[in-house]
PDB file of N, CA and C in Angstrom:
ATOM      1  N   MET A   1      86.094  56.454 -89.269  1.00  0.00           N
ATOM      2  CA  MET A   1      86.731  55.328 -88.648  1.00  0.00           C
ATOM      3  C   MET A   1      86.630  54.138 -89.598  1.00  0.00           C
ATOM      4  N   PRO A   2      87.650  53.951 -90.433  1.00  0.00           N
ATOM      5  CA  PRO A   2      87.607  52.857 -91.407  1.00  0.00           C
ATOM      6  C   PRO A   2      87.619  51.477 -90.739  1.00  0.00           C
ATOM      7  N   THR A   3      86.741  50.611 -91.195  1.00  0.00           N
ATOM      8  CA  THR A   3      86.743  49.225 -90.744  1.00  0.00           C
ATOM      9  C   THR A   3      87.688  48.446 -91.637  1.00  0.00           C
ATOM     10  N   VAL A   4      88.653  47.770 -91.034  1.00  0.00           N
ATOM     11  CA  VAL A   4      89.609  46.974 -91.794  1.00  0.00           C
ATOM     12  C   VAL A   4      88.970  45.647 -92.168  1.00  0.00           C
ATOM     13  N   PHE A   5      88.432  44.945 -91.174  1.00  0.00           N
ATOM     14  CA  PHE A   5      87.680  43.723 -91.437  1.00  0.00           C
ATOM     15  C   PHE A   5      86.915  43.311 -90.187  1.00  0.00           C
ATOM     16  N   LYS A   6      86.040  42.329 -90.381  1.00  0.00           N
ATOM     17  CA  LYS A   6      85.267  41.754 -89.282  1.00  0.00           C
ATOM     18  C   LYS A   6      85.514  40.253 -89.292  1.00  0.00           C
ATOM     19  N   LEU A   7      85.872  39.723 -88.131  1.00  0.00           N
ATOM     20  CA  LEU A   7      86.146  38.293 -87.998  1.00  0.00           C
ATOM     21  C   LEU A   7      85.625  37.791 -86.661  1.00  0.00           C
ATOM     22  N   ARG A   8      84.918  36.675 -86.680  1.00  0.00           N
ATOM     23  CA  ARG A   8      84.440  36.012 -85.463  1.00  0.00           C
ATOM     24  C   ARG A   8      83.729  36.962 -84.499  1.00  0.00           C
ATOM     25  N   GLY A   9      83.020  37.913 -85.044  1.00  0.00           N
ATOM     26  CA  GLY A   9      82.267  38.851 -84.220  1.00  0.00           C
ATOM     27  C   GLY A   9      83.042  40.074 -83.769  1.00  0.00           C
ATOM     28  N   PHE A  10      84.337  40.133 -84.102  1.00  0.00           N
ATOM     29  CA  PHE A  10      85.178  41.275 -83.745  1.00  0.00           C
ATOM     30  C   PHE A  10      85.298  42.210 -84.947  1.00  0.00           C
ATOM     31  N   THR A  11      85.244  43.503 -84.703  1.00  0.00           N
ATOM     32  CA  THR A  11      85.451  44.505 -85.748  1.00  0.00           C
ATOM     33  C   THR A  11      86.807  45.150 -85.519  1.00  0.00           C
ATOM     34  N   PHE A  12      87.633  45.175 -86.563  1.00  0.00           N
ATOM     35  CA  PHE A  12      88.975  45.748 -86.507  1.00  0.00           C
ATOM     36  C   PHE A  12      88.938  47.073 -87.254  1.00  0.00           C
ATOM     37  N   LYS A  13      89.285  48.172 -86.542  1.00  0.00           N
ATOM     38  CA  LYS A  13      89.132  49.516 -87.114  1.00  0.00           C
ATOM     39  C   LYS A  13      90.355  50.381 -86.855  1.00  0.00           C
ATOM     40  N   PHE A  14      90.488  51.404 -87.699  1.00  0.00           N
ATOM     41  CA  PHE A  14      91.429  52.496 -87.461  1.00  0.00           C
ATOM     42  C   PHE A  14      90.602  53.743 -87.200  1.00  0.00           C
ATOM     43  N   TYR A  15      91.074  54.615 -86.333  1.00  0.00           N
ATOM     44  CA  TYR A  15      90.465  55.926 -86.173  1.00  0.00           C
ATOM     45  C   TYR A  15      91.211  56.893 -87.079  1.00  0.00           C
ATOM     46  N   SER A  16      90.502  57.733 -87.783  1.00  0.00           N
ATOM     47  CA  SER A  16      91.098  58.600 -88.799  1.00  0.00           C
ATOM     48  C   SER A  16      92.044  59.651 -88.234  1.00  0.00           C
ATOM     49  N   ASN A  17      91.905  60.020 -86.984  1.00  0.00           N
ATOM     50  CA  ASN A  17      92.713  61.109 -86.434  1.00  0.00           C
ATOM     51  C   ASN A  17      93.939  60.624 -85.666  1.00  0.00           C
ATOM     52  N   GLU A  18      94.394  59.413 -85.903  1.00  0.00           N
ATOM     53  CA  GLU A  18      95.503  58.856 -85.131  1.00  0.00           C
ATOM     54  C   GLU A  18      96.740  58.551 -85.976  1.00  0.00           C
ATOM     55  N   ASN A  19      96.908  59.244 -87.074  1.00  0.00           N
ATOM     56  CA  ASN A  19      98.030  58.975 -87.963  1.00  0.00           C
ATOM     57  C   ASN A  19      99.376  59.343 -87.363  1.00  0.00           C
ATOM     58  N   ASN A  20      99.387  60.151 -86.304  1.00  0.00           N
ATOM     59  CA  ASN A  20     100.648  60.537 -85.682  1.00  0.00           C
ATOM     60  C   ASN A  20     101.156  59.470 -84.706  1.00  0.00           C
ATOM     61  N   GLU A  21     100.410  58.414 -84.502  1.00  0.00           N
ATOM     62  CA  GLU A  21     100.805  57.322 -83.616  1.00  0.00           C
ATOM     63  C   GLU A  21     101.392  56.177 -84.434  1.00  0.00           C
ATOM     64  N   PRO A  22     102.148  55.289 -83.788  1.00  0.00           N
ATOM     65  CA  PRO A  22     102.632  54.093 -84.488  1.00  0.00           C
ATOM     66  C   PRO A  22     101.447  53.247 -84.965  1.00  0.00           C
ATOM     67  N   PRO A  23     101.678  52.354 -85.928  1.00  0.00           N
ATOM     68  CA  PRO A  23     100.592  51.518 -86.444  1.00  0.00           C
ATOM     69  C   PRO A  23      99.886  50.738 -85.330  1.00  0.00           C
ATOM     70  N   HIS A  24      98.572  50.823 -85.341  1.00  0.00           N
ATOM     71  CA  HIS A  24      97.768  50.130 -84.340  1.00  0.00           C
ATOM     72  C   HIS A  24      96.358  49.926 -84.873  1.00  0.00           C
ATOM     73  N   VAL A  25      95.605  49.108 -84.176  1.00  0.00           N
ATOM     74  CA  VAL A  25      94.231  48.819 -84.565  1.00  0.00           C
ATOM     75  C   VAL A  25      93.372  48.778 -83.303  1.00  0.00           C
ATOM     76  N   HIS A  26      92.126  49.189 -83.459  1.00  0.00           N
ATOM     77  CA  HIS A  26      91.136  49.092 -82.387  1.00  0.00           C
ATOM     78  C   HIS A  26      90.246  47.894 -82.705  1.00  0.00           C
ATOM     79  N   VAL A  27      89.963  47.096 -81.693  1.00  0.00           N
ATOM     80  CA  VAL A  27      89.116  45.920 -81.860  1.00  0.00           C
ATOM     81  C   VAL A  27      87.878  46.127 -80.995  1.00  0.00           C
ATOM     82  N   ILE A  28      86.717  45.956 -81.623  1.00  0.00           N
ATOM     83  CA  ILE A  28      85.447  46.246 -80.951  1.00  0.00           C
ATOM     84  C   ILE A  28      84.506  45.051 -81.091  1.00  0.00           C
ATOM     85  N   LYS A  29      83.817  44.759 -80.010  1.00  0.00           N
ATOM     86  CA  LYS A  29      82.747  43.752 -80.028  1.00  0.00           C
ATOM     87  C   LYS A  29      81.725  44.200 -79.003  1.00  0.00           C
ATOM     88  N   GLY A  30      80.548  44.578 -79.467  1.00  0.00           N
ATOM     89  CA  GLY A  30      79.538  45.114 -78.557  1.00  0.00           C
ATOM     90  C   GLY A  30      80.047  46.395 -77.930  1.00  0.00           C
ATOM     91  N   THR A  31      80.078  46.438 -76.609  1.00  0.00           N
ATOM     92  CA  THR A  31      80.583  47.626 -75.914  1.00  0.00           C
ATOM     93  C   THR A  31      82.046  47.476 -75.493  1.00  0.00           C
ATOM     94  N   ALA A  32      82.642  46.327 -75.764  1.00  0.00           N
ATOM     95  CA  ALA A  32      84.048  46.094 -75.417  1.00  0.00           C
ATOM     96  C   ALA A  32      84.954  46.668 -76.507  1.00  0.00           C
ATOM     97  N   GLU A  33      86.118  47.180 -76.085  1.00  0.00           N
ATOM     98  CA  GLU A  33      87.089  47.719 -77.043  1.00  0.00           C
ATOM     99  C   GLU A  33      88.499  47.512 -76.517  1.00  0.00           C
ATOM    100  N   SER A  34      89.415  47.255 -77.435  1.00  0.00           N
ATOM    101  CA  SER A  34      90.829  47.194 -77.089  1.00  0.00           C
ATOM    102  C   SER A  34      91.633  47.854 -78.194  1.00  0.00           C
ATOM    103  N   LYS A  35      92.849  48.243 -77.852  1.00  0.00           N
ATOM    104  CA  LYS A  35      93.761  48.875 -78.801  1.00  0.00           C
ATOM    105  C   LYS A  35      95.051  48.067 -78.788  1.00  0.00           C
ATOM    106  N   TRP A  36      95.531  47.757 -80.000  1.00  0.00           N
ATOM    107  CA  TRP A  36      96.725  46.929 -80.142  1.00  0.00           C
ATOM    108  C   TRP A  36      97.732  47.612 -81.058  1.00  0.00           C
ATOM    109  N   TRP A  37      98.976  47.701 -80.593  1.00  0.00           N
ATOM    110  CA  TRP A  37     100.069  48.136 -81.462  1.00  0.00           C
ATOM    111  C   TRP A  37     100.387  46.967 -82.381  1.00  0.00           C
ATOM    112  N   ILE A  38     100.595  47.234 -83.663  1.00  0.00           N
ATOM    113  CA  ILE A  38     100.848  46.147 -84.609  1.00  0.00           C
ATOM    114  C   ILE A  38     102.225  46.227 -85.256  1.00  0.00           C
ATOM    115  N   ASP A  39     102.995  47.269 -84.931  1.00  0.00           N
ATOM    116  CA  ASP A  39     104.338  47.384 -85.484  1.00  0.00           C
ATOM    117  C   ASP A  39     105.169  48.260 -84.564  1.00  0.00           C
ATOM    118  N   PRO A  40     106.334  47.871 -84.148  1.00  0.00           N
ATOM    119  CA  PRO A  40     107.139  46.771 -84.678  1.00  0.00           C
ATOM    120  C   PRO A  40     106.754  45.399 -84.129  1.00  0.00           C
ATOM    121  N   SER A  41     106.041  45.343 -83.012  1.00  0.00           N
ATOM    122  CA  SER A  41     105.599  44.053 -82.491  1.00  0.00           C
ATOM    123  C   SER A  41     104.138  44.164 -82.063  1.00  0.00           C
ATOM    124  N   LEU A  42     103.526  43.027 -81.850  1.00  0.00           N
ATOM    125  CA  LEU A  42     102.125  42.976 -81.441  1.00  0.00           C
ATOM    126  C   LEU A  42     102.044  43.146 -79.925  1.00  0.00           C
ATOM    127  N   GLU A  43     101.361  44.196 -79.484  1.00  0.00           N
ATOM    128  CA  GLU A  43     101.278  44.482 -78.053  1.00  0.00           C
ATOM    129  C   GLU A  43      99.935  45.136 -77.732  1.00  0.00           C
ATOM    130  N   GLU A  44      99.301  44.655 -76.683  1.00  0.00           N
ATOM    131  CA  GLU A  44      98.029  45.234 -76.253  1.00  0.00           C
ATOM    132  C   GLU A  44      98.287  46.546 -75.514  1.00  0.00           C
ATOM    133  N   GLU A  45      97.654  47.620 -75.963  1.00  0.00           N
ATOM    134  CA  GLU A  45      97.774  48.925 -75.301  1.00  0.00           C
ATOM    135  C   GLU A  45      96.761  49.038 -74.155  1.00  0.00           C
ATOM    136  N   TYR A  46      95.506  48.689 -74.442  1.00  0.00           N
ATOM    137  CA  TYR A  46      94.486  48.685 -73.391  1.00  0.00           C
ATOM    138  C   TYR A  46      93.338  47.790 -73.817  1.00  0.00           C
ATOM    139  N   SER A  47      92.538  47.418 -72.854  1.00  0.00           N
ATOM    140  CA  SER A  47      91.362  46.605 -73.118  1.00  0.00           C
ATOM    141  C   SER A  47      90.298  46.965 -72.096  1.00  0.00           C
ATOM    142  N   ASP A  48      89.065  47.067 -72.557  1.00  0.00           N
ATOM    143  CA  ASP A  48      87.952  47.367 -71.665  1.00  0.00           C
ATOM    144  C   ASP A  48      86.761  46.506 -72.061  1.00  0.00           C
ATOM    145  N   GLY A  49      86.414  45.562 -71.213  1.00  0.00           N
ATOM    146  CA  GLY A  49      85.196  44.793 -71.417  1.00  0.00           C
ATOM    147  C   GLY A  49      85.361  43.428 -72.052  1.00  0.00           C
ATOM    148  N   PHE A  50      86.579  43.055 -72.474  1.00  0.00           N
ATOM    149  CA  PHE A  50      86.786  41.735 -73.070  1.00  0.00           C
ATOM    150  C   PHE A  50      87.131  40.706 -72.000  1.00  0.00           C
ATOM    151  N   LYS A  51      86.679  39.476 -72.215  1.00  0.00           N
ATOM    152  CA  LYS A  51      87.070  38.354 -71.371  1.00  0.00           C
ATOM    153  C   LYS A  51      88.472  37.907 -71.791  1.00  0.00           C
ATOM    154  N   VAL A  52      89.151  37.205 -70.904  1.00  0.00           N
ATOM    155  CA  VAL A  52      90.513  36.736 -71.185  1.00  0.00           C
ATOM    156  C   VAL A  52      90.543  35.888 -72.457  1.00  0.00           C
ATOM    157  N   GLN A  53      89.582  34.988 -72.624  1.00  0.00           N
ATOM    158  CA  GLN A  53      89.558  34.136 -73.814  1.00  0.00           C
ATOM    159  C   GLN A  53      89.357  34.966 -75.082  1.00  0.00           C
ATOM    160  N   GLU A  54      88.564  36.009 -75.011  1.00  0.00           N
ATOM    161  CA  GLU A  54      88.378  36.878 -76.178  1.00  0.00           C
ATOM    162  C   GLU A  54      89.679  37.583 -76.534  1.00  0.00           C
ATOM    163  N   LEU A  55      90.437  38.007 -75.536  1.00  0.00           N
ATOM    164  CA  LEU A  55      91.726  38.653 -75.805  1.00  0.00           C
ATOM    165  C   LEU A  55      92.702  37.670 -76.449  1.00  0.00           C
ATOM    166  N   ARG A  56      92.659  36.414 -76.034  1.00  0.00           N
ATOM    167  CA  ARG A  56      93.499  35.390 -76.682  1.00  0.00           C
ATOM    168  C   ARG A  56      93.101  35.233 -78.145  1.00  0.00           C
ATOM    169  N   THR A  57      91.815  35.196 -78.397  1.00  0.00           N
ATOM    170  CA  THR A  57      91.332  35.068 -79.774  1.00  0.00           C
ATOM    171  C   THR A  57      91.749  36.272 -80.604  1.00  0.00           C
ATOM    172  N   ILE A  58      91.615  37.464 -80.053  1.00  0.00           N
ATOM    173  CA  ILE A  58      92.024  38.678 -80.763  1.00  0.00           C
ATOM    174  C   ILE A  58      93.503  38.598 -81.111  1.00  0.00           C
ATOM    175  N   ARG A  59      94.337  38.210 -80.145  1.00  0.00           N
ATOM    176  CA  ARG A  59      95.781  38.103 -80.399  1.00  0.00           C
ATOM    177  C   ARG A  59      96.055  37.116 -81.537  1.00  0.00           C
ATOM    178  N   GLU A  60      95.374  35.973 -81.524  1.00  0.00           N
ATOM    179  CA  GLU A  60      95.540  34.981 -82.591  1.00  0.00           C
ATOM    180  C   GLU A  60      95.156  35.572 -83.945  1.00  0.00           C
ATOM    181  N   LEU A  61      94.035  36.276 -83.997  1.00  0.00           N
ATOM    182  CA  LEU A  61      93.587  36.881 -85.254  1.00  0.00           C
ATOM    183  C   LEU A  61      94.562  37.953 -85.727  1.00  0.00           C
ATOM    184  N   LEU A  62      95.087  38.742 -84.799  1.00  0.00           N
ATOM    185  CA  LEU A  62      96.054  39.775 -85.168  1.00  0.00           C
ATOM    186  C   LEU A  62      97.332  39.155 -85.720  1.00  0.00           C
ATOM    187  N   LYS A  63      97.784  38.064 -85.119  1.00  0.00           N
ATOM    188  CA  LYS A  63      98.973  37.369 -85.631  1.00  0.00           C
ATOM    189  C   LYS A  63      98.708  36.828 -87.032  1.00  0.00           C
ATOM    190  N   GLU A  64      97.560  36.213 -87.197  1.00  0.00           N
ATOM    191  CA  GLU A  64      97.197  35.597 -88.480  1.00  0.00           C
ATOM    192  C   GLU A  64      97.074  36.630 -89.599  1.00  0.00           C
ATOM    193  N   HIS A  65      96.611  37.821 -89.277  1.00  0.00           N
ATOM    194  CA  HIS A  65      96.348  38.847 -90.290  1.00  0.00           C
ATOM    195  C   HIS A  65      97.287  40.050 -90.167  1.00  0.00           C
ATOM    196  N   HIS A  66      98.435  39.836 -89.555  1.00  0.00           N
ATOM    197  CA  HIS A  66      99.376  40.922 -89.280  1.00  0.00           C
ATOM    198  C   HIS A  66      99.782  41.668 -90.550  1.00  0.00           C
ATOM    199  N   HIS A  67     100.175  40.937 -91.572  1.00  0.00           N
ATOM    200  CA  HIS A  67     100.614  41.579 -92.817  1.00  0.00           C
ATOM    201  C   HIS A  67      99.490  42.419 -93.430  1.00  0.00           C
ATOM    202  N   ALA A  68      98.290  41.880 -93.474  1.00  0.00           N
ATOM    203  CA  ALA A  68      97.155  42.610 -94.053  1.00  0.00           C
ATOM    204  C   ALA A  68      96.839  43.869 -93.246  1.00  0.00           C
ATOM    205  N   LEU A  69      96.965  43.792 -91.933  1.00  0.00           N
ATOM    206  CA  LEU A  69      96.718  44.965 -91.089  1.00  0.00           C
ATOM    207  C   LEU A  69      97.742  46.060 -91.342  1.00  0.00           C
ATOM    208  N   LEU A  70      99.015  45.675 -91.432  1.00  0.00           N
ATOM    209  CA  LEU A  70     100.052  46.675 -91.708  1.00  0.00           C
ATOM    210  C   LEU A  70      99.841  47.327 -93.070  1.00  0.00           C
ATOM    211  N   GLN A  71      99.476  46.520 -94.055  1.00  0.00           N
ATOM    212  CA  GLN A  71      99.227  47.080 -95.382  1.00  0.00           C
ATOM    213  C   GLN A  71      98.024  48.015 -95.351  1.00  0.00           C
ATOM    214  N   ALA A  72      96.988  47.638 -94.638  1.00  0.00           N
ATOM    215  CA  ALA A  72      95.806  48.503 -94.529  1.00  0.00           C
ATOM    216  C   ALA A  72      96.162  49.811 -93.831  1.00  0.00           C
ATOM    217  N   TRP A  73      97.033  49.750 -92.817  1.00  0.00           N
ATOM    218  CA  TRP A  73      97.481  50.968 -92.121  1.00  0.00           C
ATOM    219  C   TRP A  73      98.212  51.882 -93.106  1.00  0.00           C
ATOM    220  N   LYS A  74      99.128  51.305 -93.887  1.00  0.00           N
ATOM    221  CA  LYS A  74      99.880  52.101 -94.867  1.00  0.00           C
ATOM    222  C   LYS A  74      98.939  52.706 -95.906  1.00  0.00           C
ATOM    223  N   ASP A  75      97.986  51.921 -96.370  1.00  0.00           N
ATOM    224  CA  ASP A  75      97.008  52.430 -97.341  1.00  0.00           C
ATOM    225  C   ASP A  75      96.176  53.551 -96.719  1.00  0.00           C
ATOM    226  N   HIS A  76      95.796  53.391 -95.476  1.00  0.00           N
ATOM    227  CA  HIS A  76      95.003  54.400 -94.762  1.00  0.00           C
ATOM    228  C   HIS A  76      95.786  55.707 -94.641  1.00  0.00           C
ATOM    229  N   LEU A  77      97.065  55.609 -94.308  1.00  0.00           N
ATOM    230  CA  LEU A  77      97.901  56.805 -94.191  1.00  0.00           C
ATOM    231  C   LEU A  77      98.028  57.534 -95.519  1.00  0.00           C
ATOM    232  N   SER A  78      98.121  56.779 -96.597  1.00  0.00           N
ATOM    233  CA  SER A  78      98.299  57.410 -97.905  1.00  0.00           C
ATOM    234  C   SER A  78      97.037  58.126 -98.377  1.00  0.00           C
ATOM    235  N   GLU A  79      95.888  57.804 -97.783  1.00  0.00           N
ATOM    236  CA  GLU A  79      94.631  58.466 -98.148  1.00  0.00           C
ATOM    237  C   GLU A  79      94.518  59.845 -97.532  1.00  0.00           C
ATOM    238  N   ASP A  80      95.199  60.073 -96.402  1.00  0.00           N
ATOM    239  CA  ASP A  80      95.088  61.357 -95.692  1.00  0.00           C
ATOM    240  C   ASP A  80      96.005  62.408 -96.280  1.00  0.00           C
TER     241      ASP A  80
END
């Protein structure tokens, strides 16, 4: 499970066995986790354990780092 980056206490990761799905990222903090589609648009797939304000922060971070996340996804796919 490659870690893309860590920001403001959130860890952004890809799971190695999900290459057959559209580009997405898992966000983890403690025991909370959410999954976000990052292409073609930013959309929350699910969330478990995050507060509303944390989800807003995650969305802001995903918007801010959208290009880097997509590039990391493409790089991750090319490794498999």
